[in-house]
Amino acid sequence: MKVNIEIDMTPDEARKVMGLPDVSKIQDKIALEMQKRIMASLDSHDPQALLKVWLPSGFEPFQKLWESAGHGSAKKDQPKPSR
């Protein structure tokens, strides 16, 4: 037996039905704070400040990602030894 139930409601209505809290005000505050920080770093024209905003954990994880991608493609480009 297969039963399908369709409920037509907005995400806000679904959140209220499930008893979840309304976090839209917190999200708005966080977005505003992020915007302020980005604009402040843009105003300083300091590339290092921009990288700290965009890559809070530092440049190393991003650099390792590119290095691993480069090593993977280099292995593919090497000719296979003939037997």
Protein backbone atom coordinates (compact mmCIF):
# COMPACT_ATOMS: atom_id res chain seq x y z
CA MET A 1 0.00 0.00 0.00
CA LYS A 2 1.35 3.39 -0.91
CA VAL A 3 -0.03 6.62 0.52
CA ASN A 4 1.03 10.07 -0.63
CA ILE A 5 0.26 13.14 1.40
CA GLU A 6 0.93 16.59 -0.02
CA ILE A 7 1.05 19.60 2.25
CA ASP A 8 1.17 23.03 0.67
CA MET A 9 2.78 25.52 3.04
CA THR A 10 5.48 28.14 3.06
CA PRO A 11 8.81 27.49 4.78
CA ASP A 12 7.76 29.92 7.52
CA GLU A 13 4.52 27.99 8.11
CA ALA A 14 6.42 24.68 8.18
CA ARG A 15 8.88 26.09 10.71
CA LYS A 16 6.02 27.20 12.96
CA VAL A 17 4.26 23.82 12.66
CA MET A 18 7.45 22.00 13.69
CA GLY A 19 8.05 24.42 16.54
CA LEU A 20 11.40 25.65 15.25
CA PRO A 21 12.60 29.10 16.31
CA ASP A 22 12.56 32.08 13.97
CA VAL A 23 16.22 32.83 13.27
CA SER A 24 15.68 35.38 10.50
CA LYS A 25 16.55 38.31 12.78
CA ILE A 26 19.82 36.66 13.79
CA GLN A 27 20.63 35.88 10.16
CA ASP A 28 19.98 39.52 9.23
CA LYS A 29 22.32 40.73 11.99
CA ILE A 30 25.05 38.30 10.91
CA ALA A 31 24.72 39.35 7.26
CA LEU A 32 24.90 43.02 8.24
CA GLU A 33 28.01 42.41 10.37
CA MET A 34 29.67 40.50 7.53
CA GLN A 35 28.85 43.32 5.14
CA LYS A 36 30.36 45.89 7.54
CA ARG A 37 33.57 43.87 7.90
CA ILE A 38 33.95 43.35 4.17
CA MET A 39 33.34 47.03 3.43
CA ALA A 40 35.85 48.04 6.12
CA SER A 41 38.51 45.79 4.62
CA LEU A 42 37.75 47.10 1.13
CA ASP A 43 38.13 50.67 2.36
CA SER A 44 41.57 49.93 3.77
CA HIS A 45 42.79 48.60 0.38
CA ASP A 46 44.89 46.12 2.30
CA PRO A 47 45.08 42.79 0.44
CA GLN A 48 46.03 40.95 3.62
CA ALA A 49 42.92 42.26 5.40
CA LEU A 50 40.77 41.12 2.47
CA LEU A 51 42.25 37.62 2.62
CA LYS A 52 41.57 37.44 6.36
CA VAL A 53 37.91 38.24 5.71
CA TRP A 54 37.56 35.87 2.76
CA LEU A 55 39.73 33.07 4.15
CA PRO A 56 39.43 33.24 7.95
CA SER A 57 41.35 29.99 8.45
CA GLY A 58 44.23 31.36 6.39
CA PHE A 59 45.53 30.83 2.91
CA GLU A 60 47.17 27.46 3.62
CA PRO A 61 44.05 25.23 3.25
CA PHE A 62 43.25 26.98 -0.06
CA GLN A 63 46.86 26.57 -1.21
CA LYS A 64 46.88 22.86 -0.28
CA LEU A 65 43.68 22.39 -2.30
CA TRP A 66 45.34 23.81 -5.41
CA GLU A 67 48.53 21.85 -4.81
CA SER A 68 46.63 18.57 -4.52
CA ALA A 69 44.64 19.40 -7.65
CA GLY A 70 47.87 20.14 -9.51
CA HIS A 71 49.52 16.92 -8.38
CA GLY A 72 46.50 14.92 -9.47
CA SER A 73 46.51 16.40 -12.97
CA ALA A 74 50.29 16.00 -13.26
CA LYS A 75 49.96 12.26 -12.62
CA LYS A 76 47.34 11.99 -15.34
CA ASP A 77 49.51 13.85 -17.87
CA GLN A 78 52.56 11.60 -17.42
CA PRO A 79 52.93 8.99 -20.13
CA LYS A 80 52.53 5.41 -19.05
CA PRO A 81 55.70 3.33 -19.27
CA SER A 82 55.74 0.94 -22.19
CA ARG A 83 56.40 -2.73 -21.55
